[in-house]
Amino acid sequence: MKVATIFSHSIPKLVCPNGQNGLLISTKNLNKILKIDEKEKTIVVESGVTLREIISEAAKVGLALPYTPYWWGLTIGGIMGTGAHGSSLFGKGSAIHDYVLELRIVSPSCPKDGYVKVRILNESNRYHFDAAKVSLGVLGVISQVTLKLEPLFKRSITYFTKDDSDLGDELISFGRKHEFADVTWYPSQHKVIYRIDDRVSINTSGDGLYDFIPFRSTLSAELIALRTSEELLEATGNGNAKCINAKLITTTLSHLGYGLTNNGVVFYGYPVIGFSNRMQSSGTCLDSLNDGLITSCPWDPRIKGQFFHQTAFSIPLKVVKNFIQDVQNLVLMEPNALCGLELNNGILMRYVTYSSEYLGKTEDAVDFDITYYRSNDPFHPRLFEDIVEEIEQIGLFKYKGLPHWGKNRNLGFVGAIKKYPNAEKFLKVKDEYDSRGLFSSEWTDEVLGVKEGVTILKDGCALEGLCICSQDSHCAPNYGYFCRPGRIYKEARVCAKKETTNVEL
């Protein structure tokens, strides 16, 4: 049994039941705001309520959930299942689960309980509470959540661009200066976009709105044209053209303020000031007209639009400068290699903090979100595939980055559970709540280390991130891609085009 939500699900197979006999439990109708307590500054919601609804309803009574993910189509149950977060090193940090005061969870049980057990968890039963707040959906169904809010406030946002020469030094200090800071990096352009984002007085003039452009409804014909163009550039190996297109896209986003408007209609300059509920999260493509798919979200599978891999991991602050330098060194070796990332607005860096949850962040860190081209043919390699694979392995293995539970390819979860000191506590709670494994699957058992198999060895497996290559057949020898060591991280094994390296295993 797996829980599915109304709008979206995780990129990996967290919501997939085994085989043809599994059961999906929908939270579509578990969608009520049950109570808002203005005095105590709390909101009680059912788990199918979306982030958008929580932000909106809280604001109506002058309250705010201060730190949230940027995509508002997530449900609170899905947010907790995957440990979703925004960006901040302030207070308790940016993870939603750190603002949960209480939750109700429904799990299987024995006949004397009527085969079901409903538990209400809070700080009084911390052992179970810290397991359930980041659960991967394997403990049962979260049905109700109580969140701590605070008075509604205003924010001021300015995007500032500079070169990336001192990014390694600036990254940590920038996050400590600005409460809602994040950083977007265009490595092949050697540019960094710093988001200066702080609270300001509630009396500060401004009614700004953030409607992030890549989350808006887009003409399907435009999306199809963009995808067709990238497929052509991939097929012809035209990295230069990818870089030209990437500069065009990133320049356009910059001129349009990335979706910020000063008055809800027009962007005419920084800073953009407005109430937090209008500035913290977006996703208006969910409101796409029922127009026969003339418009859609960019990744809607019903059209030939975006199709991508996504790698996301958190690097501890103490070594994040070293990771940045490794990526910069790879770009020096292959200047056009990461233009494909920039077509997807580069590398997004968000700040996250230590959490007590067993599967939460183990220390303060920077989360790197990397989105890149995926072929519709699983046996077809990508342009500069080896560079992105090496970055992935540097982050996950050289610097022991923690994977984002709701993103990543199989490779991201190799040995991941061993990076969590309290993993055994989580597994004990899992056995207590669901001893028969009804809410587990082969996938979750593999990710949690209960079973082997998160790596799948077969021809072409490294192309889809199902494995780290150990022989040429795991890559695409028919296209000239062979398994080779990394360029700077020699322990890495990547699928490299033959002419890019002379090093043999």
Protein backbone atom coordinates (compact mmCIF):
# COMPACT_ATOMS: atom_id res chain seq x y z
CA MET A 1 0.00 0.00 0.00
CA LYS A 2 1.23 3.47 -0.89
CA VAL A 3 -0.20 6.95 -0.43
CA ALA A 4 -0.70 9.11 -3.54
CA THR A 5 -1.49 12.82 -3.54
CA ILE A 6 -3.66 15.00 -5.76
CA PHE A 7 -1.02 16.86 -7.79
CA SER A 8 2.38 15.23 -7.67
CA HIS A 9 4.60 12.52 -6.31
CA SER A 10 8.27 11.92 -5.64
CA ILE A 11 10.71 11.47 -8.52
CA PRO A 12 11.97 8.10 -7.18
CA LYS A 13 9.59 5.21 -6.60
CA LEU A 14 8.46 6.07 -3.07
CA VAL A 15 4.79 5.91 -4.04
CA CYS A 16 4.96 2.81 -6.23
CA PRO A 17 3.47 -0.39 -4.74
CA ASN A 18 4.96 -3.71 -5.76
CA GLY A 19 3.71 -5.46 -8.89
CA GLN A 20 0.07 -5.46 -9.97
CA ASN A 21 -1.50 -6.28 -6.62
CA GLY A 22 -0.62 -3.15 -4.69
CA LEU A 23 -3.08 -0.59 -3.40
CA LEU A 24 -2.90 3.19 -3.77
CA ILE A 25 -4.52 5.29 -1.05
CA SER A 26 -5.48 8.75 -2.30
CA THR A 27 -5.48 11.80 -0.04
CA LYS A 28 -7.47 13.80 -2.61
CA ASN A 29 -10.44 14.08 -0.26
CA LEU A 30 -8.38 14.30 2.93
CA ASN A 31 -8.21 18.00 2.22
CA LYS A 32 -9.76 19.95 5.08
CA ILE A 33 -8.36 22.79 7.17
CA LEU A 34 -9.67 21.60 10.54
CA LYS A 35 -8.72 24.47 12.84
CA ILE A 36 -6.72 27.67 13.00
CA ASP A 37 -5.97 28.94 16.51
CA GLU A 38 -5.02 32.60 16.21
CA LYS A 39 -4.06 32.90 19.88
CA GLU A 40 -1.82 29.81 19.94
CA LYS A 41 -0.67 30.45 16.36
CA THR A 42 -1.33 26.90 15.15
CA ILE A 43 -3.10 25.31 12.21
CA VAL A 44 -4.54 21.77 12.10
CA VAL A 45 -4.91 20.25 8.64
CA GLU A 46 -5.60 16.91 7.02
CA SER A 47 -2.62 15.45 5.21
CA GLY A 48 -3.95 16.02 1.70
CA VAL A 49 -4.07 19.79 2.16
CA THR A 50 -1.63 21.53 -0.18
CA LEU A 51 1.08 23.95 0.81
CA ARG A 52 -0.71 26.61 -1.19
CA GLU A 53 -3.86 26.17 0.92
CA ILE A 54 -1.94 26.27 4.20
CA ILE A 55 -0.15 29.49 3.24
CA SER A 56 -3.37 31.12 2.00
CA GLU A 57 -5.63 30.17 4.91
CA ALA A 58 -3.04 31.14 7.50
CA ALA A 59 -2.59 34.55 5.87
CA LYS A 60 -6.33 35.26 6.04
CA VAL A 61 -6.01 35.43 9.84
CA GLY A 62 -2.66 37.21 9.85
CA LEU A 63 -0.42 34.15 10.32
CA ALA A 64 2.42 32.59 8.36
CA LEU A 65 4.34 29.34 7.98
CA PRO A 66 7.72 31.04 7.61
CA TYR A 67 9.87 28.49 5.76
CA THR A 68 8.48 26.39 2.93
CA PRO A 69 9.44 24.64 -0.31
CA TYR A 70 9.12 26.80 -3.42
CA TRP A 71 6.56 24.60 -5.23
CA TRP A 72 3.15 24.94 -3.63
CA GLY A 73 1.57 21.84 -5.21
CA LEU A 74 2.99 19.63 -2.44
CA THR A 75 0.67 18.26 0.25
CA ILE A 76 1.64 18.41 3.90
CA GLY A 77 1.71 14.61 4.01
CA GLY A 78 4.05 14.47 1.02
CA ILE A 79 6.23 17.22 2.46
CA MET A 80 6.72 15.24 5.65
CA GLY A 81 7.21 11.96 3.86
CA THR A 82 10.16 13.32 1.89
CA GLY A 83 11.61 15.88 4.30
CA ALA A 84 10.89 18.78 1.91
CA HIS A 85 12.31 22.19 2.83
CA GLY A 86 12.90 25.78 1.81
CA SER A 87 16.10 27.67 2.47
CA SER A 88 17.34 29.13 5.77
CA LEU A 89 19.97 28.74 8.47
CA PHE A 90 17.87 30.84 10.88
CA GLY A 91 15.78 29.54 13.79
CA LYS A 92 14.88 25.87 13.45
CA GLY A 93 15.86 25.97 9.79
CA SER A 94 13.92 25.52 6.59
CA ALA A 95 12.41 22.01 6.89
CA ILE A 96 8.63 21.91 7.36
CA HIS A 97 8.81 18.91 9.68
CA ASP A 98 10.62 21.01 12.30
CA TYR A 99 7.46 23.11 12.68
CA VAL A 100 5.15 20.14 13.31
CA LEU A 101 3.72 20.12 16.83
CA GLU A 102 1.55 17.02 16.52
CA LEU A 103 0.47 14.46 13.95
CA ARG A 104 -1.98 11.61 13.64
CA ILE A 105 -0.86 8.47 11.85
CA VAL A 106 -2.87 5.38 10.88
CA SER A 107 -0.99 2.06 10.77
CA PRO A 108 -1.84 -1.64 10.42
CA SER A 109 -2.48 -3.61 13.59
CA CYS A 110 -3.75 -6.91 14.96
CA PRO A 111 -7.34 -8.25 15.08
CA LYS A 112 -7.95 -7.03 18.63
CA ASP A 113 -7.43 -3.46 17.40
CA GLY A 114 -9.71 -3.98 14.43
CA TYR A 115 -6.63 -4.34 12.20
CA VAL A 116 -5.80 -0.65 12.50
CA LYS A 117 -4.10 1.57 15.06
CA VAL A 118 -4.38 5.34 15.19
CA ARG A 119 -1.59 7.12 17.06
CA ILE A 120 -1.37 10.77 18.04
CA LEU A 121 2.29 11.75 18.27
CA ASN A 122 3.92 14.85 19.75
CA GLU A 123 6.87 15.80 21.98
CA SER A 124 5.50 13.60 24.78
CA ASN A 125 6.41 10.49 22.74
CA ARG A 126 9.53 11.84 21.08
CA TYR A 127 10.94 8.41 20.13
CA HIS A 128 8.09 7.77 17.70
CA PHE A 129 7.58 11.44 16.80
CA ASP A 130 11.11 11.78 15.42
CA ALA A 131 10.53 8.73 13.21
CA ALA A 132 7.14 9.80 11.87
CA LYS A 133 8.08 13.38 10.93
CA VAL A 134 10.26 12.10 8.05
CA SER A 135 8.74 8.70 7.34
CA LEU A 136 9.13 7.93 3.58
CA GLY A 137 5.55 6.68 3.87
CA VAL A 138 6.60 3.34 5.40
CA LEU A 139 5.00 3.79 8.84
CA GLY A 140 1.42 4.16 7.65
CA VAL A 141 -0.78 7.07 6.53
CA ILE A 142 -0.35 10.46 8.13
CA SER A 143 -3.92 11.73 8.37
CA GLN A 144 -3.64 14.96 10.35
CA VAL A 145 -0.92 17.50 11.14
CA THR A 146 -0.65 20.45 13.54
CA LEU A 147 1.83 23.15 12.49
CA LYS A 148 3.28 26.05 14.45
CA LEU A 149 2.75 29.42 12.79
CA GLU A 150 3.88 32.97 13.49
CA PRO A 151 2.51 36.45 12.76
CA LEU A 152 2.37 37.36 9.08
CA PHE A 153 5.32 39.50 7.98
CA LYS A 154 6.76 41.21 4.94
CA ARG A 155 9.85 40.25 2.95
CA SER A 156 12.21 42.14 0.73
CA ILE A 157 13.82 40.27 -2.21
CA THR A 158 16.69 41.39 -4.41
CA TYR A 159 18.56 39.19 -6.89
CA PHE A 160 22.21 40.17 -7.20
CA THR A 161 24.55 38.77 -9.88
CA LYS A 162 28.33 38.41 -9.66
CA ASP A 163 31.06 36.08 -10.92
CA ASP A 164 31.68 32.77 -9.17
CA SER A 165 35.37 33.25 -8.36
CA ASP A 166 34.73 33.59 -4.60
CA LEU A 167 31.60 31.42 -4.38
CA GLY A 168 33.27 28.90 -2.07
CA ASP A 169 34.11 31.64 0.43
CA GLU A 170 30.87 33.59 0.08
CA LEU A 171 28.37 30.74 0.26
CA ILE A 172 28.36 30.17 4.02
CA SER A 173 28.60 33.81 5.10
CA PHE A 174 25.79 34.78 2.71
CA GLY A 175 23.45 32.20 4.25
CA ARG A 176 24.18 33.51 7.74
CA LYS A 177 23.45 37.12 6.72
CA HIS A 178 20.04 36.70 5.07
CA GLU A 179 17.16 34.74 6.57
CA PHE A 180 15.63 33.34 3.38
CA ALA A 181 18.76 33.39 1.23
CA ASP A 182 19.39 31.03 -1.62
CA VAL A 183 21.97 30.92 -4.41
CA THR A 184 21.67 29.91 -8.07
CA TRP A 185 24.86 28.99 -9.89
CA TYR A 186 25.55 28.98 -13.62
CA PRO A 187 28.96 27.21 -13.60
CA SER A 188 29.69 27.34 -17.34
CA GLN A 189 28.88 31.07 -17.37
CA HIS A 190 30.90 31.58 -14.16
CA LYS A 191 27.93 33.49 -12.74
CA VAL A 192 26.16 33.33 -9.40
CA ILE A 193 22.71 34.75 -8.58
CA TYR A 194 22.44 35.63 -4.90
CA ARG A 195 18.91 35.97 -3.53
CA ILE A 196 18.97 38.61 -0.80
CA ASP A 197 15.75 37.83 1.04
CA ASP A 198 14.96 39.19 4.51
CA ARG A 199 12.14 40.30 6.74
CA VAL A 200 11.23 43.96 6.79
CA SER A 201 8.83 46.02 8.87
CA ILE A 202 5.17 45.24 8.28
CA ASN A 203 4.72 48.96 7.53
CA THR A 204 7.20 48.90 4.62
CA SER A 205 5.51 49.92 1.40
CA GLY A 206 5.08 47.19 -1.21
CA ASP A 207 2.64 44.56 -2.45
CA GLY A 208 5.04 42.30 -4.35
CA LEU A 209 4.23 38.88 -5.76
CA TYR A 210 6.45 35.94 -6.69
CA ASP A 211 5.17 33.78 -9.55
CA PHE A 212 8.26 31.81 -10.59
CA ILE A 213 8.38 31.69 -14.39
CA PRO A 214 9.31 27.98 -14.81
CA PHE A 215 6.31 27.11 -12.59
CA ARG A 216 3.84 29.04 -14.75
CA SER A 217 1.46 27.63 -17.32
CA THR A 218 3.21 27.64 -20.70
CA LEU A 219 2.09 27.15 -24.28
CA SER A 220 2.53 23.47 -25.07
CA ALA A 221 3.81 24.31 -28.56
CA GLU A 222 6.61 26.35 -26.99
CA LEU A 223 7.53 23.51 -24.63
CA ILE A 224 7.55 21.00 -27.49
CA ALA A 225 9.79 23.28 -29.56
CA LEU A 226 12.27 23.66 -26.68
CA ARG A 227 12.41 19.92 -26.11
CA THR A 228 12.82 19.19 -29.83
CA SER A 229 15.64 21.71 -30.02
CA GLU A 230 17.50 20.16 -27.10
CA GLU A 231 17.09 16.67 -28.54
CA LEU A 232 18.62 17.90 -31.80
CA LEU A 233 21.58 19.48 -29.98
CA GLU A 234 22.09 16.27 -28.03
CA ALA A 235 21.97 14.17 -31.20
CA THR A 236 24.51 16.40 -32.96
CA GLY A 237 26.74 16.91 -29.91
CA ASN A 238 26.40 20.68 -30.23
CA GLY A 239 27.54 21.92 -26.84
CA ASN A 240 28.21 25.45 -28.11
CA ALA A 241 24.60 25.91 -29.15
CA LYS A 242 23.44 24.62 -25.76
CA CYS A 243 25.54 27.34 -24.12
CA ILE A 244 24.07 30.03 -26.39
CA ASN A 245 20.53 28.87 -25.59
CA ALA A 246 21.31 28.70 -21.88
CA LYS A 247 22.55 32.31 -21.85
CA LEU A 248 19.40 33.40 -23.64
CA ILE A 249 17.17 31.66 -21.10
CA THR A 250 19.04 32.86 -18.01
CA THR A 251 19.25 36.43 -19.35
CA THR A 252 15.51 36.43 -20.04
CA LEU A 253 14.74 35.18 -16.53
CA SER A 254 16.96 37.90 -15.08
CA HIS A 255 15.29 40.70 -17.07
CA LEU A 256 11.88 39.44 -15.92
CA GLY A 257 12.92 39.31 -12.26
CA TYR A 258 12.53 35.51 -12.23
CA GLY A 259 8.79 35.98 -11.81
CA LEU A 260 8.79 38.75 -9.20
CA THR A 261 6.46 41.71 -9.70
CA ASN A 262 6.38 44.84 -7.55
CA ASN A 263 2.62 45.15 -7.57
CA GLY A 264 1.38 41.74 -8.70
CA VAL A 265 1.48 42.78 -12.36
CA VAL A 266 4.72 44.51 -13.38
CA PHE A 267 8.39 44.09 -12.44
CA TYR A 268 10.18 47.44 -12.47
CA GLY A 269 13.14 46.83 -10.18
CA TYR A 270 14.54 45.69 -6.86
CA PRO A 271 13.89 45.40 -4.03
CA VAL A 272 10.53 43.68 -4.37
CA ILE A 273 8.65 43.97 -1.09
CA GLY A 274 5.49 42.14 -0.15
CA PHE A 275 3.74 39.91 2.37
CA SER A 276 5.41 36.57 2.94
CA ASN A 277 2.42 34.55 1.73
CA ARG A 278 2.76 36.22 -1.71
CA MET A 279 6.53 35.79 -1.92
CA GLN A 280 7.52 32.39 -0.58
CA SER A 281 6.04 29.77 -2.89
CA SER A 282 4.35 29.48 -6.28
CA GLY A 283 3.08 27.13 -8.97
CA THR A 284 0.36 28.79 -11.01
CA CYS A 285 0.60 26.18 -13.76
CA LEU A 286 -1.63 24.11 -11.49
CA ASP A 287 -4.31 26.59 -12.54
CA SER A 288 -3.81 25.86 -16.24
CA LEU A 289 -7.00 26.28 -18.21
CA ASN A 290 -8.91 23.19 -19.31
CA ASP A 291 -7.99 24.06 -22.87
CA GLY A 292 -7.13 20.71 -24.40
CA LEU A 293 -3.48 21.08 -23.36
CA ILE A 294 -2.91 24.25 -25.34
CA THR A 295 -1.15 25.27 -22.12
CA SER A 296 0.32 23.10 -19.40
CA CYS A 297 2.97 22.70 -16.72
CA PRO A 298 6.36 22.29 -18.44
CA TRP A 299 6.79 18.70 -17.23
CA ASP A 300 3.26 17.47 -18.00
CA PRO A 301 3.79 13.91 -19.35
CA ARG A 302 0.87 14.29 -21.74
CA ILE A 303 2.94 16.58 -23.97
CA LYS A 304 6.47 16.32 -25.35
CA GLY A 305 7.83 18.81 -22.83
CA GLN A 306 10.48 18.61 -20.15
CA PHE A 307 11.92 15.19 -19.33
CA PHE A 308 14.81 15.25 -16.92
CA HIS A 309 16.89 13.64 -14.25
CA GLN A 310 17.20 15.40 -10.93
CA THR A 311 20.02 14.94 -8.46
CA ALA A 312 19.79 16.62 -5.04
CA PHE A 313 22.07 16.22 -2.05
CA SER A 314 23.12 18.19 1.02
CA ILE A 315 26.83 18.91 1.58
CA PRO A 316 27.93 19.82 5.15
CA LEU A 317 28.91 23.47 5.54
CA LYS A 318 32.38 22.47 6.72
CA VAL A 319 33.30 20.96 3.33
CA VAL A 320 31.01 22.83 0.93
CA LYS A 321 33.85 25.09 -0.26
CA ASN A 322 35.84 22.01 -1.34
CA PHE A 323 32.87 20.69 -3.31
CA ILE A 324 32.46 24.04 -5.08
CA GLN A 325 36.15 24.02 -6.02
CA ASP A 326 35.88 20.50 -7.45
CA VAL A 327 32.99 21.56 -9.69
CA GLN A 328 34.89 24.65 -10.80
CA ASN A 329 37.92 22.52 -11.66
CA LEU A 330 35.74 20.28 -13.84
CA VAL A 331 34.38 23.32 -15.66
CA LEU A 332 37.94 24.49 -16.34
CA MET A 333 38.61 21.13 -17.99
CA GLU A 334 35.37 21.18 -20.03
CA PRO A 335 33.98 24.76 -20.21
CA ASN A 336 30.72 23.87 -22.01
CA ALA A 337 29.92 20.78 -19.96
CA LEU A 338 27.32 22.30 -17.64
CA CYS A 339 25.41 24.50 -20.07
CA GLY A 340 22.77 21.76 -20.10
CA LEU A 341 22.15 22.44 -16.40
CA GLU A 342 21.80 26.13 -17.13
CA LEU A 343 19.00 25.39 -19.59
CA ASN A 344 17.18 24.30 -16.41
CA ASN A 345 18.22 27.46 -14.51
CA GLY A 346 21.50 26.13 -13.18
CA ILE A 347 22.31 24.65 -9.78
CA LEU A 348 19.98 25.81 -7.00
CA MET A 349 21.61 25.97 -3.56
CA ARG A 350 19.39 26.11 -0.48
CA TYR A 351 20.35 26.20 3.18
CA VAL A 352 19.25 23.43 5.56
CA THR A 353 19.94 22.78 9.24
CA TYR A 354 20.35 19.89 11.63
CA SER A 355 17.12 18.10 12.60
CA SER A 356 16.47 15.63 15.40
CA GLU A 357 14.33 13.48 13.08
CA TYR A 358 15.97 10.11 12.45
CA LEU A 359 15.96 10.59 8.67
CA GLY A 360 16.39 14.38 8.76
CA LYS A 361 19.56 16.37 8.12
CA THR A 362 22.41 15.35 10.37
CA GLU A 363 24.14 18.77 10.35
CA ASP A 364 23.89 22.24 8.85
CA ALA A 365 24.42 22.01 5.12
CA VAL A 366 23.84 23.41 1.64
CA ASP A 367 21.40 21.46 -0.52
CA PHE A 368 22.34 21.28 -4.22
CA ASP A 369 19.50 20.74 -6.71
CA ILE A 370 20.73 19.75 -10.18
CA THR A 371 18.28 19.21 -13.05
CA TYR A 372 19.50 17.91 -16.40
CA TYR A 373 18.45 16.36 -19.71
CA ARG A 374 17.09 12.82 -19.82
CA SER A 375 16.73 10.95 -23.07
CA ASN A 376 13.46 9.22 -23.86
CA ASP A 377 15.65 6.29 -24.90
CA PRO A 378 17.18 4.79 -21.71
CA PHE A 379 20.10 3.42 -23.73
CA HIS A 380 21.10 6.74 -25.26
CA PRO A 381 23.88 8.70 -23.51
CA ARG A 382 23.85 12.44 -22.79
CA LEU A 383 26.25 15.09 -23.98
CA PHE A 384 29.01 15.55 -21.34
CA GLU A 385 27.44 12.75 -19.34
CA ASP A 386 30.68 11.97 -17.50
CA ILE A 387 30.99 15.47 -15.99
CA VAL A 388 27.53 15.45 -14.39
CA GLU A 389 28.02 11.86 -13.20
CA GLU A 390 31.32 12.82 -11.60
CA ILE A 391 29.70 15.78 -9.81
CA GLU A 392 26.97 13.44 -8.59
CA GLN A 393 29.49 10.96 -7.20
CA ILE A 394 31.72 13.68 -5.72
CA GLY A 395 28.76 15.08 -3.80
CA LEU A 396 27.34 11.77 -2.65
CA PHE A 397 30.51 9.80 -1.92
CA LYS A 398 33.57 12.04 -1.64
CA TYR A 399 31.74 14.52 0.61
CA LYS A 400 29.14 12.07 1.96
CA GLY A 401 26.19 14.19 0.88
CA LEU A 402 22.75 13.22 2.15
CA PRO A 403 20.21 12.55 -0.63
CA HIS A 404 16.91 14.37 -0.88
CA TRP A 405 14.39 11.58 -0.22
CA GLY A 406 11.93 12.87 -2.82
CA LYS A 407 14.44 13.31 -5.65
CA ASN A 408 17.48 11.50 -7.09
CA ARG A 409 18.18 8.45 -9.20
CA ASN A 410 18.91 5.03 -7.67
CA LEU A 411 22.56 6.00 -7.45
CA GLY A 412 21.69 8.70 -4.90
CA PHE A 413 20.60 6.10 -2.37
CA VAL A 414 23.60 3.78 -2.57
CA GLY A 415 24.77 3.38 1.03
CA ALA A 416 22.62 6.36 2.05
CA ILE A 417 21.06 4.82 5.15
CA LYS A 418 24.51 4.34 6.69
CA LYS A 419 24.94 8.13 6.75
CA TYR A 420 22.16 8.48 9.35
CA PRO A 421 23.29 7.74 12.94
CA ASN A 422 19.71 7.09 14.06
CA ALA A 423 18.71 4.81 11.20
CA GLU A 424 18.36 1.80 13.51
CA LYS A 425 15.89 3.71 15.68
CA PHE A 426 13.81 4.48 12.61
CA LEU A 427 13.80 0.84 11.52
CA LYS A 428 12.69 -0.27 15.01
CA VAL A 429 9.73 2.10 14.86
CA LYS A 430 8.97 0.88 11.35
CA ASP A 431 8.85 -2.73 12.59
CA GLU A 432 6.60 -1.73 15.47
CA TYR A 433 4.16 0.22 13.30
CA ASP A 434 4.05 -2.12 10.30
CA SER A 435 5.55 -5.48 11.17
CA ARG A 436 4.18 -7.09 7.99
CA GLY A 437 5.64 -4.41 5.74
CA LEU A 438 2.30 -3.51 4.16
CA PHE A 439 3.48 0.08 3.57
CA SER A 440 6.90 -0.98 2.36
CA SER A 441 7.99 -2.05 -1.10
CA GLU A 442 11.08 -3.58 -2.63
CA TRP A 443 12.21 -0.04 -3.43
CA THR A 444 11.87 1.31 0.12
CA ASP A 445 13.44 -1.83 1.60
CA GLU A 446 16.43 -1.34 -0.70
CA VAL A 447 16.75 2.35 0.11
CA LEU A 448 16.53 1.65 3.85
CA GLY A 449 19.11 -1.13 3.65
CA VAL A 450 16.64 -3.84 4.64
CA LYS A 451 17.35 -5.60 1.33
CA GLU A 452 20.05 -5.43 -1.30
CA GLY A 453 19.22 -4.20 -4.78
CA VAL A 454 19.11 -0.40 -4.96
CA THR A 455 21.81 -0.83 -7.62
CA ILE A 456 20.58 -2.65 -10.74
CA LEU A 457 23.34 -4.05 -12.93
CA LYS A 458 22.43 -4.46 -16.60
CA ASP A 459 23.40 -3.07 -19.98
CA GLY A 460 23.12 0.73 -19.97
CA CYS A 461 22.32 0.90 -16.24
CA ALA A 462 24.66 3.85 -15.56
CA LEU A 463 22.89 6.01 -18.17
CA GLU A 464 19.75 6.08 -16.02
CA GLY A 465 21.57 6.19 -12.69
CA LEU A 466 20.53 2.62 -11.87
CA CYS A 467 24.17 1.79 -11.15
CA ILE A 468 27.71 3.15 -11.02
CA CYS A 469 29.38 1.65 -14.04
CA SER A 470 31.99 -1.05 -13.49
CA GLN A 471 32.21 -2.26 -17.10
CA ASP A 472 31.73 -0.71 -20.51
CA SER A 473 28.39 -2.40 -21.13
CA HIS A 474 26.92 -0.39 -18.24
CA CYS A 475 27.42 2.69 -20.44
CA ALA A 476 26.83 2.94 -24.19
CA PRO A 477 29.79 1.48 -26.09
CA ASN A 478 27.74 1.49 -29.32
CA TYR A 479 27.70 5.28 -29.07
CA GLY A 480 31.34 5.52 -28.00
CA TYR A 481 30.69 5.92 -24.25
CA PHE A 482 32.81 3.72 -21.99
CA CYS A 483 33.24 3.28 -18.24
CA ARG A 484 36.19 5.40 -17.05
CA PRO A 485 37.55 6.92 -13.83
CA GLY A 486 36.58 10.49 -12.99
CA ARG A 487 38.80 13.34 -14.09
CA ILE A 488 39.53 14.75 -10.62
CA TYR A 489 37.79 12.22 -8.35
CA LYS A 490 39.54 9.06 -9.45
CA GLU A 491 37.30 6.83 -7.32
CA ALA A 492 34.35 7.86 -9.49
CA ARG A 493 33.31 5.66 -12.40
CA VAL A 494 31.56 7.51 -15.19
CA CYS A 495 30.36 7.02 -18.74
CA ALA A 496 32.77 9.06 -20.86
CA LYS A 497 32.95 9.52 -24.60
CA LYS A 498 36.10 7.84 -25.87
CA GLU A 499 37.87 10.92 -27.17
CA THR A 500 37.48 12.75 -23.84
CA THR A 501 39.85 10.48 -21.93
CA ASN A 502 42.76 8.13 -22.52
CA VAL A 503 42.63 6.60 -19.04
CA GLU A 504 41.67 2.94 -18.88
CA LEU A 505 40.28 1.07 -15.88
